[in-house]
């Protein structure tokens, strides 16, 4: 699923907002997002920096999403 890998934090946060996640706060270069059902995660948003596969897996686990679902949102 290479559609998900190599994405920036900004791209990932926009995709999560499409399914109901809202930015709780922004601190330094991190966004804290929460869904109305209680799921939450933190996404780094450094300019132009790509999210690695390990961190992407953690974010997907926090959001209870599959890579396939994320690829459809991107």
N, C-alpha and C. Protein backbone atom coordinates (compact mmCIF):
# COMPACT_ATOMS: atom_id res chain seq x y z
N UNK A 1 0.83 -1.19 0.00
CA UNK A 1 0.00 0.00 0.00
C UNK A 1 0.87 1.24 0.00
N UNK A 2 1.51 1.51 -1.08
CA UNK A 2 2.40 2.67 -1.15
C UNK A 2 1.63 3.98 -1.22
N UNK A 3 0.29 3.94 -1.38
CA UNK A 3 -0.49 5.17 -1.41
C UNK A 3 -0.41 5.92 -0.10
N UNK A 4 -0.16 5.23 0.99
CA UNK A 4 -0.14 5.86 2.31
C UNK A 4 1.25 6.31 2.72
N UNK A 5 2.27 5.58 2.30
CA UNK A 5 3.61 5.89 2.79
C UNK A 5 4.15 7.16 2.14
N UNK A 6 4.99 7.84 2.88
CA UNK A 6 5.62 9.04 2.36
C UNK A 6 4.73 10.27 2.34
N UNK A 7 3.70 10.29 3.14
CA UNK A 7 2.80 11.45 3.21
C UNK A 7 3.27 12.40 4.29
N UNK A 8 2.91 13.66 4.15
CA UNK A 8 3.26 14.65 5.17
C UNK A 8 2.19 14.67 6.25
N UNK A 9 2.52 15.28 7.36
CA UNK A 9 1.56 15.40 8.46
C UNK A 9 0.34 16.22 8.07
N UNK A 10 0.55 17.26 7.25
CA UNK A 10 -0.57 18.08 6.81
C UNK A 10 -1.55 17.27 5.97
N UNK A 11 -1.02 16.44 5.07
CA UNK A 11 -1.88 15.59 4.24
C UNK A 11 -2.66 14.60 5.11
N UNK A 12 -1.97 14.03 6.07
CA UNK A 12 -2.61 13.05 6.95
C UNK A 12 -3.69 13.70 7.81
N UNK A 13 -3.42 14.87 8.35
CA UNK A 13 -4.43 15.53 9.20
C UNK A 13 -5.65 15.94 8.39
N UNK A 14 -5.46 16.37 7.15
CA UNK A 14 -6.61 16.71 6.29
C UNK A 14 -7.46 15.47 6.02
N UNK A 15 -6.81 14.33 5.80
CA UNK A 15 -7.55 13.09 5.56
C UNK A 15 -8.35 12.69 6.80
N UNK A 16 -7.75 12.84 7.97
CA UNK A 16 -8.46 12.48 9.21
C UNK A 16 -9.63 13.43 9.48
N UNK A 17 -9.49 14.68 9.11
CA UNK A 17 -10.59 15.63 9.29
C UNK A 17 -11.78 15.27 8.41
N UNK A 18 -11.54 14.62 7.28
CA UNK A 18 -12.63 14.20 6.40
C UNK A 18 -13.55 13.18 7.07
N UNK A 19 -13.02 12.42 8.02
CA UNK A 19 -13.84 11.40 8.67
C UNK A 19 -14.24 11.80 10.09
N UNK A 20 -14.14 13.08 10.39
CA UNK A 20 -14.69 13.56 11.65
C UNK A 20 -13.70 13.95 12.73
N UNK A 21 -12.41 13.71 12.53
CA UNK A 21 -11.44 14.14 13.53
C UNK A 21 -11.34 15.66 13.50
N UNK A 22 -11.20 16.26 14.67
CA UNK A 22 -11.07 17.71 14.79
C UNK A 22 -9.80 18.04 15.55
N UNK A 23 -9.18 19.14 15.17
CA UNK A 23 -7.96 19.58 15.84
C UNK A 23 -8.33 20.14 17.21
N UNK A 24 -7.82 19.51 18.26
CA UNK A 24 -8.03 20.00 19.62
C UNK A 24 -7.12 21.18 19.90
N UNK A 25 -5.87 21.00 19.51
CA UNK A 25 -4.90 22.06 19.71
C UNK A 25 -3.69 21.82 18.82
N UNK A 26 -2.93 22.87 18.67
CA UNK A 26 -1.68 22.80 17.92
C UNK A 26 -0.60 23.27 18.88
N UNK A 27 0.43 22.47 19.03
CA UNK A 27 1.53 22.84 19.91
C UNK A 27 2.83 22.59 19.18
N UNK A 28 3.60 23.66 19.02
CA UNK A 28 4.83 23.61 18.25
C UNK A 28 4.53 23.04 16.87
N UNK A 29 5.09 21.88 16.57
CA UNK A 29 4.89 21.29 15.24
C UNK A 29 4.04 20.03 15.31
N UNK A 30 3.09 20.00 16.24
CA UNK A 30 2.23 18.83 16.42
C UNK A 30 0.77 19.24 16.46
N UNK A 31 -0.07 18.41 15.83
CA UNK A 31 -1.52 18.58 15.92
C UNK A 31 -2.08 17.48 16.80
N UNK A 32 -2.95 17.84 17.70
CA UNK A 32 -3.65 16.88 18.54
C UNK A 32 -5.08 16.81 18.02
N UNK A 33 -5.45 15.63 17.51
CA UNK A 33 -6.77 15.45 16.90
C UNK A 33 -7.61 14.50 17.73
N UNK A 34 -8.92 14.77 17.76
CA UNK A 34 -9.85 13.89 18.48
C UNK A 34 -11.12 13.72 17.65
N UNK A 35 -11.65 12.52 17.70
CA UNK A 35 -12.91 12.18 17.03
C UNK A 35 -14.02 12.26 18.08
N UNK A 36 -15.25 12.60 17.68
CA UNK A 36 -16.35 12.67 18.66
C UNK A 36 -16.58 11.38 19.45
N UNK A 37 -16.18 10.22 18.89
CA UNK A 37 -16.38 8.97 19.63
C UNK A 37 -15.25 8.67 20.61
N UNK A 38 -14.26 9.57 20.72
CA UNK A 38 -13.22 9.41 21.73
C UNK A 38 -11.84 9.03 21.21
N UNK A 39 -11.75 8.57 19.97
CA UNK A 39 -10.44 8.24 19.42
C UNK A 39 -9.60 9.51 19.30
N UNK A 40 -8.30 9.39 19.55
CA UNK A 40 -7.45 10.57 19.43
C UNK A 40 -6.05 10.16 19.00
N UNK A 41 -5.32 11.11 18.43
CA UNK A 41 -3.96 10.86 17.98
C UNK A 41 -3.21 12.18 17.89
N UNK A 42 -1.91 12.08 17.73
CA UNK A 42 -1.04 13.23 17.55
C UNK A 42 -0.31 13.07 16.23
N UNK A 43 -0.30 14.13 15.42
CA UNK A 43 0.32 14.10 14.10
C UNK A 43 1.39 15.19 14.02
N UNK A 44 2.64 14.83 13.72
CA UNK A 44 3.67 15.85 13.54
C UNK A 44 3.46 16.57 12.21
N UNK A 45 3.66 17.88 12.21
CA UNK A 45 3.40 18.66 10.99
C UNK A 45 4.60 19.52 10.60
N UNK A 46 5.78 18.98 10.71
CA UNK A 46 6.97 19.73 10.31
C UNK A 46 6.94 19.97 8.81
N UNK A 47 7.34 21.15 8.39
CA UNK A 47 7.27 21.54 6.98
C UNK A 47 7.98 20.54 6.07
N UNK A 48 7.20 19.91 5.18
CA UNK A 48 7.74 19.03 4.17
C UNK A 48 8.27 17.70 4.66
N UNK A 49 8.26 17.44 5.95
CA UNK A 49 8.79 16.19 6.47
C UNK A 49 7.76 15.08 6.33
N UNK A 50 8.21 13.96 5.82
CA UNK A 50 7.33 12.81 5.59
C UNK A 50 7.20 11.96 6.85
N UNK A 51 6.05 11.35 7.01
CA UNK A 51 5.81 10.46 8.15
C UNK A 51 6.29 9.06 7.77
N UNK A 52 7.12 8.49 8.61
CA UNK A 52 7.68 7.16 8.36
C UNK A 52 6.65 6.06 8.58
N UNK A 53 6.97 4.86 8.12
CA UNK A 53 6.02 3.75 8.21
C UNK A 53 5.67 3.36 9.64
N UNK A 54 6.63 3.43 10.56
CA UNK A 54 6.35 3.07 11.95
C UNK A 54 5.39 4.03 12.62
N UNK A 55 5.63 5.32 12.44
CA UNK A 55 4.75 6.33 13.03
C UNK A 55 3.37 6.29 12.37
N UNK A 56 3.33 6.06 11.07
CA UNK A 56 2.05 5.95 10.38
C UNK A 56 1.24 4.79 10.96
N UNK A 57 1.89 3.67 11.23
CA UNK A 57 1.20 2.51 11.81
C UNK A 57 0.62 2.86 13.18
N UNK A 58 1.37 3.62 13.99
CA UNK A 58 0.86 4.02 15.31
C UNK A 58 -0.34 4.95 15.19
N UNK A 59 -0.27 5.90 14.26
CA UNK A 59 -1.39 6.83 14.06
C UNK A 59 -2.63 6.07 13.60
N UNK A 60 -2.45 5.14 12.67
CA UNK A 60 -3.58 4.35 12.18
C UNK A 60 -4.18 3.51 13.31
N UNK A 61 -3.33 2.96 14.16
CA UNK A 61 -3.84 2.18 15.30
C UNK A 61 -4.64 3.06 16.25
N UNK A 62 -4.11 4.26 16.53
CA UNK A 62 -4.84 5.19 17.41
C UNK A 62 -6.21 5.53 16.83
N UNK A 63 -6.27 5.70 15.51
CA UNK A 63 -7.51 6.12 14.84
C UNK A 63 -8.41 4.94 14.49
N UNK A 64 -7.92 3.73 14.73
CA UNK A 64 -8.66 2.51 14.39
C UNK A 64 -9.01 2.47 12.91
N UNK A 65 -8.00 2.72 12.08
CA UNK A 65 -8.16 2.70 10.62
C UNK A 65 -7.22 1.67 10.00
N UNK A 66 -7.59 1.21 8.82
CA UNK A 66 -6.73 0.35 8.01
C UNK A 66 -6.03 1.22 6.97
N UNK A 67 -4.89 0.77 6.48
CA UNK A 67 -4.17 1.52 5.43
C UNK A 67 -5.06 1.74 4.21
N UNK A 68 -5.85 0.74 3.89
CA UNK A 68 -6.75 0.84 2.74
C UNK A 68 -7.74 1.99 2.92
N UNK A 69 -8.27 2.14 4.13
CA UNK A 69 -9.21 3.23 4.40
C UNK A 69 -8.53 4.58 4.27
N UNK A 70 -7.31 4.68 4.78
CA UNK A 70 -6.57 5.94 4.68
C UNK A 70 -6.25 6.26 3.23
N UNK A 71 -5.88 5.26 2.45
CA UNK A 71 -5.56 5.48 1.04
C UNK A 71 -6.76 6.05 0.29
N UNK A 72 -7.96 5.62 0.64
CA UNK A 72 -9.17 6.15 -0.01
C UNK A 72 -9.39 7.61 0.34
N UNK A 73 -9.00 8.02 1.55
CA UNK A 73 -9.18 9.41 1.99
C UNK A 73 -8.15 10.34 1.37
N UNK A 74 -6.96 9.81 1.08
CA UNK A 74 -5.91 10.62 0.50
C UNK A 74 -6.15 10.74 -0.97
